[in-house]
Protein backbone atom coordinates (compact mmCIF):
# COMPACT_ATOMS: atom_id res chain seq x y z
CA UNK A 1 21.55 -13.71 8.75
CA UNK A 2 17.85 -13.02 9.42
CA UNK A 3 16.11 -14.08 12.59
CA UNK A 4 13.98 -16.54 10.64
CA UNK A 5 17.02 -18.26 9.17
CA UNK A 6 18.37 -18.82 12.68
CA UNK A 7 15.21 -20.57 13.82
CA UNK A 8 13.62 -23.60 12.24
CA UNK A 9 10.26 -22.86 10.66
CA UNK A 10 7.53 -24.69 12.60
CA UNK A 11 5.78 -27.50 10.74
CA UNK A 12 2.53 -27.04 12.61
CA UNK A 13 0.82 -24.46 14.86
CA UNK A 14 -2.33 -25.64 16.54
CA UNK A 15 -4.18 -27.74 14.01
CA UNK A 16 -2.69 -25.79 11.10
CA UNK A 17 0.03 -27.18 8.85
CA UNK A 18 2.71 -24.56 8.08
CA UNK A 19 3.78 -24.44 4.43
CA UNK A 20 5.97 -21.38 4.06
CA UNK A 21 6.68 -17.85 5.24
CA UNK A 22 4.60 -15.09 3.65
CA UNK A 23 6.25 -12.20 5.48
CA UNK A 24 7.98 -10.99 8.63
CA UNK A 25 7.50 -7.85 10.63
CA UNK A 26 8.23 -6.16 13.91
CA UNK A 27 5.60 -8.19 15.78
CA UNK A 28 6.05 -11.60 14.28
CA UNK A 29 5.78 -13.84 11.23
CA UNK A 30 2.93 -14.47 8.79
CA UNK A 31 2.83 -18.02 7.40
CA UNK A 32 0.93 -19.65 4.57
CA UNK A 33 -0.80 -22.51 6.39
CA UNK A 34 -3.36 -25.18 5.65
CA UNK A 35 -6.55 -25.87 7.58
CA UNK A 36 -6.93 -29.70 7.55
CA UNK A 37 -10.57 -29.61 8.69
CA UNK A 38 -11.93 -27.26 6.01
CA UNK A 39 -9.12 -28.16 3.57
CA UNK A 40 -8.23 -24.61 2.56
CA UNK A 41 -5.16 -22.37 2.68
CA UNK A 42 -5.05 -19.68 5.36
CA UNK A 43 -2.71 -16.96 6.50
CA UNK A 44 -1.49 -17.53 10.04
CA UNK A 45 -0.09 -14.46 11.84
CA UNK A 46 1.97 -14.98 14.98
CA UNK A 47 3.46 -12.80 17.71
CA UNK A 48 7.21 -13.41 18.20
CA UNK A 49 8.01 -15.48 21.26
CA UNK A 50 10.63 -13.03 22.46
CA UNK A 51 8.15 -10.12 22.36
CA UNK A 52 5.66 -12.01 24.49
CA UNK A 53 8.42 -13.00 26.86
CA UNK A 54 9.72 -9.46 27.26
CA UNK A 55 6.38 -7.56 27.37
CA UNK A 56 5.74 -5.55 30.49
CA UNK A 57 3.10 -6.25 33.11
CA UNK A 58 0.47 -4.37 31.11
CA UNK A 59 0.41 -7.15 28.51
CA UNK A 60 0.00 -4.54 25.78
CA UNK A 61 1.43 -6.64 22.98
CA UNK A 62 -0.84 -9.62 23.54
CA UNK A 63 -3.78 -7.30 24.20
CA UNK A 64 -3.27 -5.62 20.78
CA UNK A 65 -3.08 -9.01 19.13
CA UNK A 66 -6.31 -10.18 20.73
CA UNK A 67 -7.90 -6.87 19.82
CA UNK A 68 -7.05 -7.44 16.17
CA UNK A 69 -8.75 -10.82 16.24
CA UNK A 70 -11.84 -9.43 17.95
CA UNK A 71 -12.11 -6.35 15.73
CA UNK A 72 -11.72 -8.07 12.36
CA UNK A 73 -13.48 -11.25 13.58
CA UNK A 74 -16.80 -9.39 13.94
CA UNK A 75 -16.65 -8.10 10.35
CA UNK A 76 -17.73 -10.05 7.25
CA UNK A 77 -17.34 -7.93 4.13
CA UNK A 78 -15.76 -8.63 0.72
CA UNK A 79 -13.34 -5.71 1.16
CA UNK A 80 -12.14 -6.77 4.65
CA UNK A 81 -9.76 -9.68 5.33
CA UNK A 82 -11.78 -12.35 7.17
CA UNK A 83 -10.50 -13.64 10.52
CA UNK A 84 -11.26 -17.32 11.12
CA UNK A 85 -9.62 -18.17 14.44
CA UNK A 86 -7.46 -17.03 17.33
CA UNK A 87 -5.30 -19.21 19.52
CA UNK A 88 -2.37 -19.44 21.90
CA UNK A 89 0.12 -22.27 21.61
CA UNK A 90 2.73 -22.46 24.40
CA UNK A 91 4.08 -18.90 24.56
CA UNK A 92 2.88 -18.04 21.07
CA UNK A 93 -0.34 -16.34 20.07
CA UNK A 94 -1.70 -16.50 16.54
CA UNK A 95 -4.52 -15.28 14.33
CA UNK A 96 -5.83 -17.37 11.46
CA UNK A 97 -7.06 -15.25 8.54
CA UNK A 98 -8.30 -15.58 5.02
CA UNK A 99 -5.35 -16.07 2.66
CA UNK A 100 -5.31 -13.22 0.15
CA UNK A 101 -3.12 -13.92 -2.89
CA UNK A 102 -2.02 -10.40 -3.75
CA UNK A 103 0.11 -7.44 -2.76
CA UNK A 104 0.03 -4.46 -0.43
CA UNK A 105 -1.32 -1.39 -2.19
CA UNK A 106 1.91 0.38 -1.17
CA UNK A 107 3.88 -1.83 -3.57
CA UNK A 108 1.76 -0.52 -6.49
CA UNK A 109 2.32 3.18 -5.67
CA UNK A 110 5.54 4.49 -7.19
CA UNK A 111 6.76 7.74 -5.61
CA UNK A 112 6.45 10.64 -8.06
CA UNK A 113 4.01 8.77 -10.31
CA UNK A 114 0.36 9.87 -9.98
CA UNK A 115 -2.30 7.29 -10.72
CA UNK A 116 -5.06 7.93 -13.25
CA UNK A 117 -8.28 9.15 -11.64
CA UNK A 118 -10.02 5.90 -12.60
CA UNK A 119 -7.46 3.75 -10.79
CA UNK A 120 -7.41 5.98 -7.67
CA UNK A 121 -11.21 6.04 -7.51
CA UNK A 122 -11.28 2.24 -7.97
CA UNK A 123 -9.21 1.73 -4.78
CA UNK A 124 -10.91 4.53 -2.82
CA UNK A 125 -14.45 3.30 -3.56
CA UNK A 126 -13.61 -0.14 -2.24
CA UNK A 127 -11.88 1.28 0.85
CA UNK A 128 -14.88 3.50 1.64
CA UNK A 129 -17.25 0.56 1.25
CA UNK A 130 -15.19 -1.43 3.78
CA UNK A 131 -14.98 1.50 6.19
CA UNK A 132 -18.70 2.17 5.98
CA UNK A 133 -19.35 -1.42 6.97
CA UNK A 134 -16.77 -1.47 9.78
CA UNK A 135 -17.91 1.83 11.23
CA UNK A 136 -21.51 0.68 11.22
CA UNK A 137 -20.36 -2.32 13.22
CA UNK A 138 -18.64 -0.04 15.74
CA UNK A 139 -15.05 -0.70 14.59
CA UNK A 140 -12.65 2.19 13.86
CA UNK A 141 -9.45 0.97 12.21
CA UNK A 142 -7.13 3.87 13.21
CA UNK A 143 -4.24 2.77 10.94
CA UNK A 144 -5.47 3.08 7.37
CA UNK A 145 -2.54 3.27 4.98
CA UNK A 146 -1.56 1.53 1.68
CA UNK A 147 0.56 -1.10 3.46
CA UNK A 148 -2.54 -2.28 5.35
CA UNK A 149 -4.63 -2.65 2.13
CA UNK A 150 -4.20 -5.87 0.16
CA UNK A 151 -4.98 -6.01 -3.57
CA UNK A 152 -5.76 -9.27 -5.36
CA UNK A 153 -4.79 -10.10 -8.95
CA UNK A 154 -8.39 -9.33 -10.02
CA UNK A 155 -8.24 -5.85 -8.45
CA UNK A 156 -10.20 -6.52 -5.26
CA UNK A 157 -9.01 -4.45 -2.29
CA UNK A 158 -9.14 -5.85 1.23
CA UNK A 159 -8.49 -3.98 4.49
CA UNK A 160 -6.16 -5.80 6.86
CA UNK A 161 -4.33 -5.31 10.20
CA UNK A 162 -6.87 -4.24 12.81
CA UNK A 163 -4.22 -4.39 15.56
CA UNK A 164 -4.89 -0.89 16.90
CA UNK A 165 -8.61 -0.72 16.05
CA UNK A 166 -11.12 0.74 18.51
CA UNK A 167 -14.16 -1.44 19.14
CA UNK A 168 -17.45 0.09 20.29
CA UNK A 169 -16.96 2.44 23.19
CA UNK A 170 -13.57 1.00 24.18
CA UNK A 171 -10.75 3.48 23.80
CA UNK A 172 -7.05 3.80 24.39
CA UNK A 173 -6.07 5.65 27.53
CA UNK A 174 -6.09 9.40 27.08
CA UNK A 175 -2.78 10.81 25.96
CA UNK A 176 -1.70 7.77 23.92
CA UNK A 177 -0.84 8.45 20.27
CA UNK A 178 -1.73 5.50 18.05
CA UNK A 179 -1.30 5.14 14.30
CA UNK A 180 1.22 5.73 11.50
CA UNK A 181 2.42 9.40 11.65
CA UNK A 182 2.05 10.39 7.99
CA UNK A 183 -1.52 9.02 7.90
CA UNK A 184 -2.70 10.06 11.37
CA UNK A 185 -5.52 12.51 11.97
CA UNK A 186 -4.94 15.64 14.14
CA UNK A 187 -6.97 14.11 16.99
CA UNK A 188 -4.77 10.98 16.93
CA UNK A 189 -1.67 13.17 17.21
CA UNK A 190 -3.21 14.96 20.16
CA UNK A 191 -4.01 11.71 21.92
CA UNK A 192 -7.72 12.53 21.94
CA UNK A 193 -10.56 10.05 21.57
CA UNK A 194 -11.26 9.21 17.93
CA UNK A 195 -14.28 8.17 15.91
CA UNK A 196 -14.86 7.04 12.32
CA UNK A 197 -13.79 10.39 10.91
CA UNK A 198 -10.18 9.63 11.87
CA UNK A 199 -10.22 6.80 9.33
CA UNK A 200 -11.60 9.19 6.70
CA UNK A 201 -8.71 11.58 7.28
CA UNK A 202 -6.28 8.68 6.67
CA UNK A 203 -8.17 7.72 3.54
CA UNK A 204 -7.81 11.32 2.38
CA UNK A 205 -4.05 11.12 2.85
CA UNK A 206 -4.03 7.92 0.79
CA UNK A 207 -6.09 9.47 -2.04
CA UNK A 208 -3.78 12.51 -2.08
CA UNK A 209 -0.79 10.22 -2.46
CA UNK A 210 -2.40 8.25 -5.26
CA UNK A 211 -3.42 11.34 -7.25
CA UNK A 212 -0.25 13.36 -6.84
CA UNK A 213 2.45 10.75 -6.35
CA UNK A 214 3.57 12.39 -3.10
CA UNK A 215 2.59 12.53 0.56
CA UNK A 216 0.67 15.62 1.77
CA UNK A 217 2.65 15.47 5.02
CA UNK A 218 6.30 14.35 4.97
CA UNK A 219 9.43 14.51 7.05
CA UNK A 220 10.31 13.43 10.59
CA UNK A 221 7.43 12.50 12.92
CA UNK A 222 7.80 15.90 14.63
CA UNK A 223 7.63 17.68 11.25
CA UNK A 224 4.66 15.65 10.15
CA UNK A 225 2.86 16.45 13.42
CA UNK A 226 3.39 20.19 12.92
CA UNK A 227 2.21 20.02 9.31
CA UNK A 228 -0.94 18.07 10.16
CA UNK A 229 -1.84 20.32 13.07
CA UNK A 230 -0.98 23.67 11.46
CA UNK A 231 -0.23 23.55 7.71
CA UNK A 232 -2.61 22.96 4.78
CA UNK A 233 -1.05 20.65 2.12
CA UNK A 234 -0.47 21.93 -1.41
CA UNK A 235 -3.60 21.74 -3.56
CA UNK A 236 -3.50 18.56 -5.66
CA UNK A 237 -4.24 20.50 -8.85
CA UNK A 238 -1.13 22.62 -8.22
CA UNK A 239 0.89 19.40 -8.45
CA UNK A 240 -1.03 17.68 -11.25
CA UNK A 241 -2.60 20.33 -13.44
CA UNK A 242 -5.04 17.86 -15.04
CA UNK A 243 -6.93 17.28 -11.78
CA UNK A 244 -10.28 19.06 -11.70
CA UNK A 245 -11.19 21.57 -8.95
CA UNK A 246 -13.68 19.09 -7.53
CA UNK A 247 -10.75 16.93 -6.41
CA UNK A 248 -9.20 19.87 -4.54
CA UNK A 249 -12.50 20.43 -2.75
CA UNK A 250 -12.95 16.76 -1.92
CA UNK A 251 -9.48 16.41 -0.43
CA UNK A 252 -9.74 19.70 1.46
CA UNK A 253 -12.83 18.33 3.18
CA UNK A 254 -11.28 14.90 3.82
CA UNK A 255 -8.14 16.46 5.34
CA UNK A 256 -9.88 19.09 7.41
CA UNK A 257 -8.30 19.54 10.86
CA UNK A 258 -11.59 19.49 12.71
CA UNK A 259 -13.51 16.17 12.48
CA UNK A 260 -16.81 18.05 12.13
CA UNK A 261 -15.53 19.70 8.93
CA UNK A 262 -14.84 16.35 7.21
CA UNK A 263 -17.29 13.97 5.57
CA UNK A 264 -19.72 12.79 8.20
CA UNK A 265 -19.28 9.14 7.28
CA UNK A 266 -17.66 6.82 4.74
CA UNK A 267 -21.08 6.32 3.19
CA UNK A 268 -21.42 10.10 2.69
CA UNK A 269 -18.01 10.31 1.04
CA UNK A 270 -18.84 7.32 -1.17
CA UNK A 271 -22.03 9.10 -2.30
CA UNK A 272 -19.98 12.20 -3.10
CA UNK A 273 -17.53 10.07 -5.05
CA UNK A 274 -20.39 8.49 -6.97
CA UNK A 275 -21.62 11.86 -8.09
CA UNK A 276 -18.21 12.54 -9.63
CA UNK A 277 -17.86 9.13 -11.24
CA UNK A 278 -21.30 9.15 -12.82
CA UNK A 279 -20.41 12.28 -14.74
CA UNK A 280 -18.99 11.34 -18.18
CA UNK A 281 -15.26 10.94 -17.99
CA UNK A 282 -13.19 12.93 -20.50
CA UNK A 283 -11.61 10.86 -23.26
CA UNK A 284 -8.13 11.44 -21.87
CA UNK A 285 -8.89 10.82 -18.19
CA UNK A 286 -5.98 8.40 -17.92
CA UNK A 287 -3.40 10.05 -20.17
CA UNK A 288 0.12 10.12 -18.91
CA UNK A 289 1.14 13.33 -17.14
CA UNK A 290 4.34 14.73 -18.61
CA UNK A 291 6.44 16.88 -16.31
CA UNK A 292 9.84 18.60 -16.66
CA UNK A 293 12.77 16.36 -15.76
CA UNK A 294 13.70 18.77 -12.98
CA UNK A 295 10.55 17.65 -11.15
CA UNK A 296 12.00 14.17 -10.60
CA UNK A 297 14.98 15.55 -8.69
CA UNK A 298 12.73 16.86 -5.91
CA UNK A 299 12.97 15.35 -2.46
CA UNK A 300 11.18 12.05 -1.99
CA UNK A 301 8.15 12.03 0.28
CA UNK A 302 8.28 10.07 3.46
CA UNK A 303 7.60 6.37 3.31
CA UNK A 304 4.21 5.02 4.20
CA UNK A 305 5.37 4.29 7.73
CA UNK A 306 6.01 7.94 8.32
CA UNK A 307 9.79 7.84 8.37
CA UNK A 308 11.72 10.66 6.81
CA UNK A 309 13.40 10.24 3.49
CA UNK A 310 16.11 12.52 2.25
CA UNK A 311 17.05 10.53 -0.82
CA UNK A 312 16.35 12.22 -4.15
CA UNK A 313 13.66 10.99 -6.48
CA UNK A 314 15.22 8.76 -9.13
CA UNK A 315 15.60 10.48 -12.46
CA UNK A 316 13.49 9.21 -15.32
CA UNK A 317 14.97 6.10 -16.97
CA UNK A 318 15.31 5.62 -20.67
CA UNK A 319 12.10 5.02 -22.66
CA UNK A 320 10.77 1.59 -23.56
CA UNK A 321 9.05 1.19 -26.94
CA UNK A 322 5.30 1.33 -26.22
CA UNK A 323 4.49 -1.55 -28.55
CA UNK A 324 6.75 -3.91 -26.58
CA UNK A 325 5.22 -2.85 -23.27
CA UNK A 326 1.69 -3.09 -24.63
CA UNK A 327 2.24 -6.70 -25.69
CA UNK A 328 3.74 -7.58 -22.32
CA UNK A 329 0.96 -5.85 -20.39
CA UNK A 330 -1.70 -7.60 -22.38
CA UNK A 331 -0.17 -11.00 -21.63
CA UNK A 332 0.35 -10.19 -17.94
CA UNK A 333 -3.30 -9.16 -17.69
CA UNK A 334 -4.34 -12.77 -18.36
CA UNK A 335 -2.81 -13.60 -14.97
CA UNK A 336 -3.10 -10.35 -13.01
CA UNK A 337 -6.16 -8.66 -14.44
CA UNK A 338 -6.37 -4.83 -14.20
CA UNK A 339 -3.24 -4.67 -12.04
CA UNK A 340 -1.12 -5.49 -15.11
CA UNK A 341 -0.78 -1.87 -16.20
CA UNK A 342 0.54 -0.75 -12.82
CA UNK A 343 2.92 -3.69 -12.54
CA UNK A 344 4.39 -3.18 -15.99
CA UNK A 345 4.76 0.50 -15.34
CA UNK A 346 6.62 -0.08 -12.10
CA UNK A 347 8.85 -2.82 -13.56
CA UNK A 348 9.76 -0.72 -16.59
CA UNK A 349 10.88 2.10 -14.32
CA UNK A 350 13.24 -0.18 -12.42
CA UNK A 351 14.60 -2.46 -15.19
CA UNK A 352 17.25 -1.57 -17.76
CA UNK A 353 16.99 -4.61 -20.07
CA UNK A 354 14.60 -7.38 -21.04
CA UNK A 355 15.85 -10.04 -18.61
CA UNK A 356 15.51 -7.60 -15.72
CA UNK A 357 12.06 -6.54 -16.84
CA UNK A 358 10.92 -10.17 -17.11
CA UNK A 359 12.37 -11.02 -13.69
CA UNK A 360 10.48 -8.08 -12.12
CA UNK A 361 7.19 -9.28 -13.53
CA UNK A 362 7.68 -12.97 -12.80
CA UNK A 363 8.35 -12.12 -9.17
CA UNK A 364 4.81 -10.71 -8.70
CA UNK A 365 3.04 -13.71 -10.20
CA UNK A 366 1.70 -16.67 -8.20
CA UNK A 367 3.85 -19.78 -8.48
CA UNK A 368 1.35 -21.53 -10.70
CA UNK A 369 1.54 -18.84 -13.36
CA UNK A 370 5.28 -18.15 -13.48
CA UNK A 371 6.37 -20.86 -15.90
CA UNK A 372 3.67 -20.00 -18.42
CA UNK A 373 4.39 -16.29 -18.27
CA UNK A 374 8.12 -16.89 -18.73
CA UNK A 375 7.36 -18.81 -21.94
CA UNK A 376 4.97 -16.09 -23.11
CA UNK A 377 7.45 -13.35 -22.29
CA UNK A 378 10.19 -15.09 -24.31
CA UNK A 379 7.78 -15.46 -27.25
CA UNK A 380 6.62 -11.82 -27.12
CA UNK A 381 10.18 -10.45 -26.97
CA UNK A 382 11.80 -12.89 -29.37
CA UNK A 383 14.14 -11.15 -31.77
CA UNK A 384 14.29 -7.93 -29.77
CA UNK A 385 17.95 -7.07 -29.02
CA UNK A 386 18.39 -6.49 -25.28
CA UNK A 387 21.01 -3.83 -25.68
CA UNK A 388 19.08 -1.62 -28.08
CA UNK A 389 15.58 -1.81 -26.69
CA UNK A 390 15.93 1.40 -24.65
CA UNK A 391 16.09 4.86 -26.17
CA UNK A 392 16.48 8.17 -24.42
CA UNK A 393 16.09 11.88 -24.94
CA UNK A 394 18.35 14.37 -23.32
CA UNK A 395 16.26 17.46 -23.86
CA UNK A 396 12.83 18.78 -22.90
CA UNK A 397 10.20 17.23 -20.67
CA UNK A 398 10.19 13.48 -20.31
CA UNK A 399 7.85 10.86 -18.93
CA UNK A 400 8.97 8.97 -15.84
CA UNK A 401 8.64 5.74 -17.83
CA UNK A 402 7.29 4.87 -21.22
CA UNK A 403 5.31 2.13 -19.52
CA UNK A 404 3.04 4.89 -18.32
CA UNK A 405 2.13 5.50 -21.96
CA UNK A 406 0.44 2.16 -22.02
CA UNK A 407 -2.28 3.59 -19.78
CA UNK A 408 -3.29 5.93 -22.61
CA UNK A 409 -2.59 3.67 -25.62
CA UNK A 410 -4.67 0.56 -26.03
CA UNK A 411 -2.91 -2.75 -26.89
CA UNK A 412 -4.91 -2.78 -30.12
CA UNK A 413 -3.62 0.62 -31.15
CA UNK A 414 -0.03 -0.29 -30.20
CA UNK A 415 -0.22 -3.41 -32.33
CA UNK A 416 -1.45 -1.48 -35.35
CA UNK A 417 -5.06 -2.79 -35.09
CA UNK A 418 -8.18 -0.64 -35.55
CA UNK A 419 -9.13 1.47 -32.52
CA UNK A 420 -11.99 0.48 -30.26
CA UNK A 421 -14.24 3.29 -31.46
CA UNK A 422 -16.54 0.70 -33.05
CA UNK A 423 -17.96 -0.06 -29.58
CA UNK A 424 -20.93 2.27 -29.41
CA UNK A 425 -21.70 4.31 -26.31
CA UNK A 426 -25.08 2.63 -25.79
CA UNK A 427 -23.37 -0.76 -25.48
CA UNK A 428 -20.75 0.65 -23.11
CA UNK A 429 -23.50 2.18 -20.91
CA UNK A 430 -25.51 -1.04 -20.88
CA UNK A 431 -22.46 -3.07 -19.76
CA UNK A 432 -21.63 -0.40 -17.10
CA UNK A 433 -25.11 -0.78 -15.59
CA UNK A 434 -24.64 -4.53 -15.21
CA UNK A 435 -21.07 -4.10 -13.98
CA UNK A 436 -22.21 -1.69 -11.27
CA UNK A 437 -23.99 -4.56 -9.54
CA UNK A 438 -20.54 -5.98 -8.71
CA UNK A 439 -18.21 -2.95 -8.64
CA UNK A 440 -20.47 -0.12 -7.53
CA UNK A 441 -20.21 3.48 -8.77
CA UNK A 442 -16.84 3.13 -10.40
CA UNK A 443 -18.28 0.71 -12.99
CA UNK A 444 -19.04 3.46 -15.53
CA UNK A 445 -15.48 4.75 -15.50
CA UNK A 446 -14.01 1.24 -15.80
CA UNK A 447 -16.31 0.41 -18.70
CA UNK A 448 -15.37 3.62 -20.51
CA UNK A 449 -11.64 3.01 -19.97
CA UNK A 450 -11.69 -0.62 -21.09
CA UNK A 451 -13.78 0.19 -24.20
CA UNK A 452 -11.02 2.53 -25.34
CA UNK A 453 -8.42 -0.18 -24.87
CA UNK A 454 -10.30 -3.13 -26.44
CA UNK A 455 -10.09 -4.25 -30.03
CA UNK A 456 -13.70 -5.37 -30.22
CA UNK A 457 -16.79 -5.91 -28.08
CA UNK A 458 -15.77 -9.45 -27.07
CA UNK A 459 -12.44 -8.27 -25.74
CA UNK A 460 -14.16 -5.35 -24.04
CA UNK A 461 -16.37 -7.83 -22.14
CA UNK A 462 -13.36 -9.92 -21.20
CA UNK A 463 -11.51 -6.87 -19.87
CA UNK A 464 -14.38 -5.58 -17.70
CA UNK A 465 -15.19 -9.13 -16.56
CA UNK A 466 -11.60 -9.53 -15.25
CA UNK A 467 -12.24 -6.64 -12.87
CA UNK A 468 -14.73 -8.76 -10.92
CA UNK A 469 -12.81 -10.71 -8.29
CA UNK A 470 -15.23 -13.55 -7.55
CA UNK A 471 -15.46 -16.28 -10.23
CA UNK A 472 -19.16 -16.98 -9.58
CA UNK A 473 -19.92 -13.26 -9.91
CA UNK A 474 -17.98 -13.13 -13.18
CA UNK A 475 -20.17 -15.92 -14.53
CA UNK A 476 -23.33 -14.16 -13.44
CA UNK A 477 -22.17 -10.95 -15.03
CA UNK A 478 -21.45 -12.68 -18.35
CA UNK A 479 -24.83 -14.43 -18.17
CA UNK A 480 -26.59 -11.10 -17.55
CA UNK A 481 -24.84 -9.52 -20.52
CA UNK A 482 -25.51 -12.45 -22.82
CA UNK A 483 -29.17 -12.61 -21.78
CA UNK A 484 -29.75 -8.98 -22.73
CA UNK A 485 -27.93 -9.23 -26.06
């Protein structure tokens, strides 16, 4: 029985009404709460009572918690989770934050499955924008990793968990090692003082994982420390042959041992990323990478928390018919936006029949959308026999999951409709310029990708519009496009 089940969930903390548990961790519990004064949902993060009661005289646990509130509380950026309030109630401390309806980026990264360049750059650009803002404000996060990055249904990334952040000139006592081992910079492992370039090293580890499907540094904490301090990771293009040499060079700089050899700032890296994104993307920039089945039996990289993992990579499951997955992805996108492709891909890898696939997808939806999607899923898969939907091949290379094929086959093509080639390049470029106002330098790549997947220009606009998180911004974007038509 879990600790939460043994204790009654509070009905109120401070002025905030407690509705349900969002998650539990080593430090405490995160609740979905309601602010009665502003009448809005919030996320309320608490420190466990027993941790506060048993902390030593240094008060480190409570100090870290207060530090998180102070660090994030001074930042107001669309890619950073907003902190509204901090309080202490009896022996309990709590932080009140913006409620983000989404998932940790770590849940969208399947070990052994590289992301398309466009998806990886989408997340990285948003992370760098957030870091550039935080660093300018004097805040160094010091624990950047996928689990601390929240992704909304519309594809907006938000940086969370500033519990070990450094603010201004304040620093942890010399000799203390702070962070998550597999994402820590060499200077963090050495217990030295850190600056913004430590966050850039962690961002480099994250990009490496997204583009290769594996960690650059893996094993026990001691092994990871030795690798980070002494060993250069395998070149990304040696793992994924389709990656261009520019990616090798970018990651070599981001993961340089000496801080002075890395990008000087998040803004500088973002500018470098922009120069790559502006270049026309090849037509197959998000084709599935096919690897020999022996590849999937390699050892699994360490988990995001840095713990070792000796379990083998799961072998590739049987293939799902692409037309079925394309229909499901298209319907899921009406609720989850551009995340639909990743979610279908992950669910198809784990499920062996239609009921299991549907259950996987329903679980990631907000409560308000589940009933409708269940009805749509039943309609889309009506008449498909559960037992015969999967097919397999016992010879030659195989894809980790046929859901990955959806990323290179548009729903229109899968359904037997005309391809989206009728959308001319001038129209795509014009939309990309307007989209860049809201999404930044990755707009051109997103516009090119969605044009290939859309049936016609109207669907193309709907697809790129869904990538804008804010509803008011989506309306302005559509108005800008319509005005110039």
